[in-house]
PDB file of all heavy atoms in Angstrom:
ATOM      1  N   SER A   1     -95.511-130.110 224.525  1.00  0.00           N
ATOM      2  CA  SER A   1     -96.133-129.096 225.366  1.00  0.00           C
ATOM      3  C   SER A   1     -95.510-129.092 226.757  1.00  0.00           C
ATOM      4  O   SER A   1     -95.253-128.031 227.342  1.00  0.00           O
ATOM      5  CB  SER A   1     -97.643-129.343 225.461  1.00  0.00           C
ATOM      6  OG  SER A   1     -98.252-128.426 226.337  1.00  0.00           O
ATOM      7  N   ALA A   2     -95.248-130.288 227.284  1.00  0.00           N
ATOM      8  CA  ALA A   2     -94.615-130.384 228.598  1.00  0.00           C
ATOM      9  C   ALA A   2     -93.203-129.807 228.561  1.00  0.00           C
ATOM     10  O   ALA A   2     -92.763-129.151 229.510  1.00  0.00           O
ATOM     11  CB  ALA A   2     -94.568-131.844 229.058  1.00  0.00           C
ATOM     12  N   SER A   3     -92.494-130.033 227.459  1.00  0.00           N
ATOM     13  CA  SER A   3     -91.143-129.491 227.326  1.00  0.00           C
ATOM     14  C   SER A   3     -91.165-127.969 227.297  1.00  0.00           C
ATOM     15  O   SER A   3     -90.322-127.309 227.904  1.00  0.00           O
ATOM     16  CB  SER A   3     -90.477-130.022 226.051  1.00  0.00           C
ATOM     17  OG  SER A   3     -90.372-131.414 226.092  1.00  0.00           O
ATOM     18  N   GLU A   4     -92.152-127.424 226.585  1.00  0.00           N
ATOM     19  CA  GLU A   4     -92.279-125.972 226.544  1.00  0.00           C
ATOM     20  C   GLU A   4     -92.596-125.420 227.931  1.00  0.00           C
ATOM     21  O   GLU A   4     -92.061-124.382 228.338  1.00  0.00           O
ATOM     22  CB  GLU A   4     -93.380-125.580 225.556  1.00  0.00           C
ATOM     23  CG  GLU A   4     -93.640-124.081 225.456  1.00  0.00           C
ATOM     24  CD  GLU A   4     -92.445-123.320 224.892  1.00  0.00           C
ATOM     25  OE1 GLU A   4     -91.544-123.963 224.315  1.00  0.00           O
ATOM     26  OE2 GLU A   4     -92.418-122.094 225.034  1.00  0.00           O
ATOM     27  N   THR A   5     -93.437-126.149 228.669  1.00  0.00           N
ATOM     28  CA  THR A   5     -93.742-125.732 230.037  1.00  0.00           C
ATOM     29  C   THR A   5     -92.492-125.758 230.898  1.00  0.00           C
ATOM     30  O   THR A   5     -92.239-124.848 231.696  1.00  0.00           O
ATOM     31  CB  THR A   5     -94.817-126.645 230.645  1.00  0.00           C
ATOM     32  OG1 THR A   5     -95.995-126.576 229.838  1.00  0.00           O
ATOM     33  CG2 THR A   5     -95.144-126.226 232.062  1.00  0.00           C
ATOM     34  N   THR A   6     -91.685-126.812 230.732  1.00  0.00           N
ATOM     35  CA  THR A   6     -90.436-126.928 231.494  1.00  0.00           C
ATOM     36  C   THR A   6     -89.494-125.786 231.161  1.00  0.00           C
ATOM     37  O   THR A   6     -88.843-125.216 232.043  1.00  0.00           O
ATOM     38  CB  THR A   6     -89.755-128.275 231.189  1.00  0.00           C
ATOM     39  OG1 THR A   6     -90.632-129.340 231.556  1.00  0.00           O
ATOM     40  CG2 THR A   6     -88.456-128.402 231.972  1.00  0.00           C
ATOM     41  N   ARG A   7     -89.408-125.448 229.873  1.00  0.00           N
ATOM     42  CA  ARG A   7     -88.539-124.339 229.478  1.00  0.00           C
ATOM     43  C   ARG A   7     -88.985-123.033 230.116  1.00  0.00           C
ATOM     44  O   ARG A   7     -88.164-122.256 230.637  1.00  0.00           O
ATOM     45  CB  ARG A   7     -88.547-124.194 227.951  1.00  0.00           C
ATOM     46  CG  ARG A   7     -87.587-123.138 227.423  1.00  0.00           C
ATOM     47  CD  ARG A   7     -87.777-122.918 225.934  1.00  0.00           C
ATOM     48  NE  ARG A   7     -89.084-122.359 225.622  1.00  0.00           N
ATOM     49  CZ  ARG A   7     -89.378-121.072 225.756  1.00  0.00           C
ATOM     50  NH1 ARG A   7     -88.475-120.215 226.190  1.00  0.00           N
ATOM     51  NH2 ARG A   7     -90.583-120.633 225.461  1.00  0.00           N
ATOM     52  N   LYS A   8     -90.293-122.802 230.116  1.00  0.00           N
ATOM     53  CA  LYS A   8     -90.806-121.576 230.730  1.00  0.00           C
ATOM     54  C   LYS A   8     -90.556-121.575 232.235  1.00  0.00           C
ATOM     55  O   LYS A   8     -90.262-120.530 232.825  1.00  0.00           O
ATOM     56  CB  LYS A   8     -92.296-121.431 230.433  1.00  0.00           C
ATOM     57  CG  LYS A   8     -92.595-121.134 228.963  1.00  0.00           C
ATOM     58  CD  LYS A   8     -94.086-120.970 228.725  1.00  0.00           C
ATOM     59  CE  LYS A   8     -94.373-120.636 227.264  1.00  0.00           C
ATOM     60  NZ  LYS A   8     -95.833-120.500 227.008  1.00  0.00           N
ATOM     61  N   GLU A   9     -90.671-122.757 232.857  1.00  0.00           N
ATOM     62  CA  GLU A   9     -90.396-122.834 234.287  1.00  0.00           C
ATOM     63  C   GLU A   9     -88.938-122.507 234.588  1.00  0.00           C
ATOM     64  O   GLU A   9     -88.630-121.859 235.587  1.00  0.00           O
ATOM     65  CB  GLU A   9     -90.738-124.231 234.810  1.00  0.00           C
ATOM     66  CG  GLU A   9     -92.232-124.515 234.905  1.00  0.00           C
ATOM     67  CD  GLU A   9     -92.519-125.920 235.391  1.00  0.00           C
ATOM     68  OE1 GLU A   9     -91.551-126.710 235.493  1.00  0.00           O
ATOM     69  OE2 GLU A   9     -93.692-126.225 235.666  1.00  0.00           O
ATOM     70  N   ARG A  10     -88.037-122.943 233.719  1.00  0.00           N
ATOM     71  CA  ARG A  10     -86.618-122.621 233.914  1.00  0.00           C
ATOM     72  C   ARG A  10     -86.392-121.124 233.808  1.00  0.00           C
ATOM     73  O   ARG A  10     -85.650-120.530 234.600  1.00  0.00           O
ATOM     74  CB  ARG A  10     -85.769-123.347 232.864  1.00  0.00           C
ATOM     75  CG  ARG A  10     -85.641-124.840 233.084  1.00  0.00           C
ATOM     76  CD  ARG A  10     -84.797-125.440 231.990  1.00  0.00           C
ATOM     77  NE  ARG A  10     -84.683-126.878 232.129  1.00  0.00           N
ATOM     78  CZ  ARG A  10     -84.125-127.680 231.249  1.00  0.00           C
ATOM     79  NH1 ARG A  10     -83.634-127.164 230.140  1.00  0.00           N
ATOM     80  NH2 ARG A  10     -84.046-128.976 231.456  1.00  0.00           N
ATOM     81  N   GLU A  11     -87.007-120.512 232.796  1.00  0.00           N
ATOM     82  CA  GLU A  11     -86.848-119.073 232.640  1.00  0.00           C
ATOM     83  C   GLU A  11     -87.421-118.331 233.847  1.00  0.00           C
ATOM     84  O   GLU A  11     -86.826-117.357 234.330  1.00  0.00           O
ATOM     85  CB  GLU A  11     -87.539-118.615 231.358  1.00  0.00           C
ATOM     86  CG  GLU A  11     -86.879-119.144 230.080  1.00  0.00           C
ATOM     87  CD  GLU A  11     -87.637-118.747 228.834  1.00  0.00           C
ATOM     88  OE1 GLU A  11     -88.758-118.193 228.972  1.00  0.00           O
ATOM     89  OE2 GLU A  11     -87.132-119.001 227.721  1.00  0.00           O
ATOM     90  N   THR A  12     -88.567-118.796 234.335  1.00  0.00           N
ATOM     91  CA  THR A  12     -89.159-118.171 235.512  1.00  0.00           C
ATOM     92  C   THR A  12     -88.252-118.337 236.721  1.00  0.00           C
ATOM     93  O   THR A  12     -88.067-117.399 237.514  1.00  0.00           O
ATOM     94  CB  THR A  12     -90.542-118.784 235.799  1.00  0.00           C
ATOM     95  OG1 THR A  12     -91.388-118.608 234.661  1.00  0.00           O
ATOM     96  CG2 THR A  12     -91.180-118.117 237.009  1.00  0.00           C
ATOM     97  N   ALA A  13     -87.673-119.539 236.885  1.00  0.00           N
ATOM     98  CA  ALA A  13     -86.777-119.790 238.018  1.00  0.00           C
ATOM     99  C   ALA A  13     -85.571-118.867 237.966  1.00  0.00           C
ATOM    100  O   ALA A  13     -85.139-118.324 238.994  1.00  0.00           O
ATOM    101  CB  ALA A  13     -86.339-121.253 238.017  1.00  0.00           C
ATOM    102  N   ALA A  14     -85.010-118.692 236.763  1.00  0.00           N
ATOM    103  CA  ALA A  14     -83.854-117.803 236.624  1.00  0.00           C
ATOM    104  C   ALA A  14     -84.233-116.362 236.952  1.00  0.00           C
ATOM    105  O   ALA A  14     -83.483-115.641 237.623  1.00  0.00           O
ATOM    106  CB  ALA A  14     -83.289-117.894 235.206  1.00  0.00           C
ATOM    107  N   LEU A  15     -85.421-115.937 236.498  1.00  0.00           N
ATOM    108  CA  LEU A  15     -85.884-114.577 236.770  1.00  0.00           C
ATOM    109  C   LEU A  15     -86.116-114.379 238.269  1.00  0.00           C
ATOM    110  O   LEU A  15     -85.710-113.359 238.839  1.00  0.00           O
ATOM    111  CB  LEU A  15     -87.170-114.298 235.993  1.00  0.00           C
ATOM    112  CG  LEU A  15     -87.817-112.929 236.225  1.00  0.00           C
ATOM    113  CD1 LEU A  15     -86.863-111.820 235.805  1.00  0.00           C
ATOM    114  CD2 LEU A  15     -89.137-112.820 235.473  1.00  0.00           C
ATOM    115  N   VAL A  16     -86.738-115.370 238.899  1.00  0.00           N
ATOM    116  CA  VAL A  16     -86.984-115.288 240.340  1.00  0.00           C
ATOM    117  C   VAL A  16     -85.663-115.183 241.095  1.00  0.00           C
ATOM    118  O   VAL A  16     -85.515-114.394 242.030  1.00  0.00           O
ATOM    119  CB  VAL A  16     -87.797-116.513 240.818  1.00  0.00           C
ATOM    120  CG1 VAL A  16     -87.785-116.608 242.334  1.00  0.00           C
ATOM    121  CG2 VAL A  16     -89.233-116.419 240.313  1.00  0.00           C
ATOM    122  N   GLY A  17     -84.689-115.997 240.692  1.00  0.00           N
ATOM    123  CA  GLY A  17     -83.385-115.971 241.349  1.00  0.00           C
ATOM    124  C   GLY A  17     -82.722-114.610 241.236  1.00  0.00           C
ATOM    125  O   GLY A  17     -82.162-114.101 242.206  1.00  0.00           O
ATOM    126  N   ARG A  18     -82.788-114.005 240.039  1.00  0.00           N
ATOM    127  CA  ARG A  18     -82.171-112.691 239.856  1.00  0.00           C
ATOM    128  C   ARG A  18     -82.870-111.621 240.692  1.00  0.00           C
ATOM    129  O   ARG A  18     -82.214-110.763 241.297  1.00  0.00           O
ATOM    130  CB  ARG A  18     -82.184-112.310 238.376  1.00  0.00           C
ATOM    131  CG  ARG A  18     -81.234-113.123 237.509  1.00  0.00           C
ATOM    132  CD  ARG A  18     -81.036-112.468 236.147  1.00  0.00           C
ATOM    133  NE  ARG A  18     -82.275-112.421 235.384  1.00  0.00           N
ATOM    134  CZ  ARG A  18     -82.675-113.349 234.536  1.00  0.00           C
ATOM    135  NH1 ARG A  18     -81.934-114.440 234.362  1.00  0.00           N
ATOM    136  NH2 ARG A  18     -83.797-113.232 233.865  1.00  0.00           N
ATOM    137  N   GLU A  19     -84.193-111.665 240.708  1.00  0.00           N
ATOM    138  CA  GLU A  19     -84.941-110.663 241.475  1.00  0.00           C
ATOM    139  C   GLU A  19     -84.674-110.815 242.973  1.00  0.00           C
ATOM    140  O   GLU A  19     -84.503-109.820 243.689  1.00  0.00           O
ATOM    141  CB  GLU A  19     -86.434-110.797 241.183  1.00  0.00           C
ATOM    142  CG  GLU A  19     -86.821-110.388 239.758  1.00  0.00           C
ATOM    143  CD  GLU A  19     -88.306-110.571 239.497  1.00  0.00           C
ATOM    144  OE1 GLU A  19     -88.969-111.229 240.329  1.00  0.00           O
ATOM    145  OE2 GLU A  19     -88.791-110.070 238.471  1.00  0.00           O
ATOM    146  N   LEU A  20     -84.638-112.057 243.450  1.00  0.00           N
ATOM    147  CA  LEU A  20     -84.389-112.284 244.868  1.00  0.00           C
ATOM    148  C   LEU A  20     -82.971-111.844 245.243  1.00  0.00           C
ATOM    149  O   LEU A  20     -82.749-111.281 246.325  1.00  0.00           O
ATOM    150  CB  LEU A  20     -84.593-113.767 245.194  1.00  0.00           C
ATOM    151  CG  LEU A  20     -84.693-114.142 246.679  1.00  0.00           C
ATOM    152  CD1 LEU A  20     -85.789-113.360 247.363  1.00  0.00           C
ATOM    153  CD2 LEU A  20     -84.943-115.635 246.824  1.00  0.00           C
ATOM    154  N   ALA A  21     -82.007-112.095 244.352  1.00  0.00           N
ATOM    155  CA  ALA A  21     -80.629-111.664 244.613  1.00  0.00           C
ATOM    156  C   ALA A  21     -80.545-110.141 244.687  1.00  0.00           C
ATOM    157  O   ALA A  21     -79.829-109.584 245.528  1.00  0.00           O
ATOM    158  CB  ALA A  21     -79.705-112.204 243.517  1.00  0.00           C
ATOM    159  N   LEU A  22     -81.281-109.468 243.795  1.00  0.00           N
ATOM    160  CA  LEU A  22     -81.287-108.010 243.800  1.00  0.00           C
ATOM    161  C   LEU A  22     -81.873-107.471 245.104  1.00  0.00           C
ATOM    162  O   LEU A  22     -81.334-106.527 245.697  1.00  0.00           O
ATOM    163  CB  LEU A  22     -82.086-107.507 242.598  1.00  0.00           C
ATOM    164  CG  LEU A  22     -82.160-105.983 242.415  1.00  0.00           C
ATOM    165  CD1 LEU A  22     -80.776-105.418 242.180  1.00  0.00           C
ATOM    166  CD2 LEU A  22     -83.083-105.636 241.258  1.00  0.00           C
ATOM    167  N   MET A  23     -82.949-108.077 245.571  1.00  0.00           N
ATOM    168  CA  MET A  23     -83.557-107.647 246.823  1.00  0.00           C
ATOM    169  C   MET A  23     -82.626-107.867 248.006  1.00  0.00           C
ATOM    170  O   MET A  23     -82.567-107.051 248.934  1.00  0.00           O
ATOM    171  CB  MET A  23     -84.861-108.427 247.057  1.00  0.00           C
ATOM    172  CG  MET A  23     -85.981-108.081 246.112  1.00  0.00           C
ATOM    173  SD  MET A  23     -86.701-106.470 246.486  1.00  0.00           S
ATOM    174  CE  MET A  23     -88.103-106.468 245.377  1.00  0.00           C
ATOM    175  N   ALA A  24     -81.877-108.979 247.976  1.00  0.00           N
ATOM    176  CA  ALA A  24     -81.021-109.339 249.111  1.00  0.00           C
ATOM    177  C   ALA A  24     -79.671-108.646 249.058  1.00  0.00           C
ATOM    178  O   ALA A  24     -78.908-108.711 250.033  1.00  0.00           O
ATOM    179  CB  ALA A  24     -80.830-110.853 249.160  1.00  0.00           C
ATOM    180  N   GLY A  25     -79.348-108.019 247.933  1.00  0.00           N
ATOM    181  CA  GLY A  25     -78.063-107.359 247.822  1.00  0.00           C
ATOM    182  C   GLY A  25     -76.907-108.324 247.648  1.00  0.00           C
ATOM    183  O   GLY A  25     -75.792-108.050 248.087  1.00  0.00           O
ATOM    184  N   VAL A  26     -77.157-109.478 246.992  1.00  0.00           N
ATOM    185  CA  VAL A  26     -76.122-110.488 246.782  1.00  0.00           C
ATOM    186  C   VAL A  26     -76.078-110.839 245.297  1.00  0.00           C
ATOM    187  O   VAL A  26     -76.907-110.383 244.509  1.00  0.00           O
ATOM    188  CB  VAL A  26     -76.390-111.756 247.625  1.00  0.00           C
ATOM    189  CG1 VAL A  26     -76.390-111.423 249.110  1.00  0.00           C
ATOM    190  CG2 VAL A  26     -77.717-112.413 247.227  1.00  0.00           C
ATOM    191  N   SER A  27     -75.118-111.674 244.913  1.00  0.00           N
ATOM    192  CA  SER A  27     -75.019-112.117 243.520  1.00  0.00           C
ATOM    193  C   SER A  27     -76.036-113.221 243.256  1.00  0.00           C
ATOM    194  O   SER A  27     -76.432-113.943 244.187  1.00  0.00           O
ATOM    195  CB  SER A  27     -73.610-112.634 243.223  1.00  0.00           C
ATOM    196  OG  SER A  27     -73.345-113.801 243.972  1.00  0.00           O
ATOM    197  N   PRO A  28     -76.470-113.411 242.000  1.00  0.00           N
ATOM    198  CA  PRO A  28     -77.444-114.468 241.685  1.00  0.00           C
ATOM    199  C   PRO A  28     -76.962-115.858 242.061  1.00  0.00           C
ATOM    200  O   PRO A  28     -77.777-116.741 242.342  1.00  0.00           O
ATOM    201  CB  PRO A  28     -77.633-114.324 240.164  1.00  0.00           C
ATOM    202  CG  PRO A  28     -77.292-112.903 239.869  1.00  0.00           C
ATOM    203  CD  PRO A  28     -76.202-112.549 240.837  1.00  0.00           C
ATOM    204  N   GLU A  29     -75.635-116.084 242.072  1.00  0.00           N
ATOM    205  CA  GLU A  29     -75.111-117.403 242.418  1.00  0.00           C
ATOM    206  C   GLU A  29     -75.382-117.762 243.876  1.00  0.00           C
ATOM    207  O   GLU A  29     -75.332-118.933 244.252  1.00  0.00           O
ATOM    208  CB  GLU A  29     -73.602-117.469 242.153  1.00  0.00           C
ATOM    209  CG  GLU A  29     -73.224-117.510 240.679  1.00  0.00           C
ATOM    210  CD  GLU A  29     -73.355-116.152 240.013  1.00  0.00           C
ATOM    211  OE1 GLU A  29     -73.431-115.135 240.737  1.00  0.00           O
ATOM    212  OE2 GLU A  29     -73.380-116.108 238.758  1.00  0.00           O
ATOM    213  N   ALA A  30     -75.672-116.754 244.728  1.00  0.00           N
ATOM    214  CA  ALA A  30     -75.917-117.013 246.146  1.00  0.00           C
ATOM    215  C   ALA A  30     -77.345-117.474 246.415  1.00  0.00           C
ATOM    216  O   ALA A  30     -77.670-117.846 247.545  1.00  0.00           O
ATOM    217  CB  ALA A  30     -75.616-115.755 246.965  1.00  0.00           C
ATOM    218  N   VAL A  31     -78.200-117.463 245.397  1.00  0.00           N
ATOM    219  CA  VAL A  31     -79.604-117.843 245.572  1.00  0.00           C
ATOM    220  C   VAL A  31     -79.753-119.345 245.347  1.00  0.00           C
ATOM    221  O   VAL A  31     -79.284-119.881 244.342  1.00  0.00           O
ATOM    222  CB  VAL A  31     -80.517-117.065 244.596  1.00  0.00           C
ATOM    223  CG1 VAL A  31     -81.973-117.456 244.801  1.00  0.00           C
ATOM    224  CG2 VAL A  31     -80.336-115.564 244.802  1.00  0.00           C
ATOM    225  N   LEU A  32     -80.407-120.023 246.284  1.00  0.00           N
ATOM    226  CA  LEU A  32     -80.711-121.442 246.151  1.00  0.00           C
ATOM    227  C   LEU A  32     -82.094-121.579 245.527  1.00  0.00           C
ATOM    228  O   LEU A  32     -83.084-121.131 246.111  1.00  0.00           O
ATOM    229  CB  LEU A  32     -80.674-122.126 247.520  1.00  0.00           C
ATOM    230  CG  LEU A  32     -81.098-123.604 247.559  1.00  0.00           C
ATOM    231  CD1 LEU A  32     -80.138-124.449 246.735  1.00  0.00           C
ATOM    232  CD2 LEU A  32     -81.162-124.119 248.989  1.00  0.00           C
ATOM    233  N   VAL A  33     -82.166-122.185 244.348  1.00  0.00           N
ATOM    234  CA  VAL A  33     -83.430-122.334 243.627  1.00  0.00           C
ATOM    235  C   VAL A  33     -83.721-123.813 243.443  1.00  0.00           C
ATOM    236  O   VAL A  33     -82.903-124.546 242.879  1.00  0.00           O
ATOM    237  CB  VAL A  33     -83.394-121.617 242.260  1.00  0.00           C
ATOM    238  CG1 VAL A  33     -84.705-121.828 241.516  1.00  0.00           C
ATOM    239  CG2 VAL A  33     -83.117-120.127 242.440  1.00  0.00           C
ATOM    240  N   ASP A  34     -84.876-124.262 243.923  1.00  0.00           N
ATOM    241  CA  ASP A  34     -85.355-125.622 243.708  1.00  0.00           C
ATOM    242  C   ASP A  34     -86.584-125.535 242.817  1.00  0.00           C
ATOM    243  O   ASP A  34     -87.684-125.205 243.284  1.00  0.00           O
ATOM    244  CB  ASP A  34     -85.694-126.287 245.045  1.00  0.00           C
ATOM    245  CG  ASP A  34     -85.992-127.783 244.898  1.00  0.00           C
ATOM    246  OD1 ASP A  34     -86.441-128.187 243.809  1.00  0.00           O
ATOM    247  OD2 ASP A  34     -85.781-128.537 245.860  1.00  0.00           O
ATOM    248  N   ARG A  35     -86.375-125.791 241.518  1.00  0.00           N
ATOM    249  CA  ARG A  35     -87.474-125.610 240.566  1.00  0.00           C
ATOM    250  C   ARG A  35     -88.593-126.602 240.788  1.00  0.00           C
ATOM    251  O   ARG A  35     -89.769-126.283 240.579  1.00  0.00           O
ATOM    252  CB  ARG A  35     -86.923-125.732 239.138  1.00  0.00           C
ATOM    253  CG  ARG A  35     -87.843-125.105 238.112  1.00  0.00           C
ATOM    254  CD  ARG A  35     -87.232-125.040 236.739  1.00  0.00           C
ATOM    255  NE  ARG A  35     -87.327-126.311 236.053  1.00  0.00           N
ATOM    256  CZ  ARG A  35     -86.291-127.023 235.673  1.00  0.00           C
ATOM    257  NH1 ARG A  35     -85.068-126.604 235.941  1.00  0.00           N
ATOM    258  NH2 ARG A  35     -86.436-128.165 235.037  1.00  0.00           N
TER     259      ARG A  35
END
């Protein structure tokens, strides 16, 4: 269950990074994410 939670957190982190990059007008690689 904890592993599944971790997997979902990773997916959420990736989604957050993409959305923040889109808002900032930069590439996703420019986003610093600390999960």
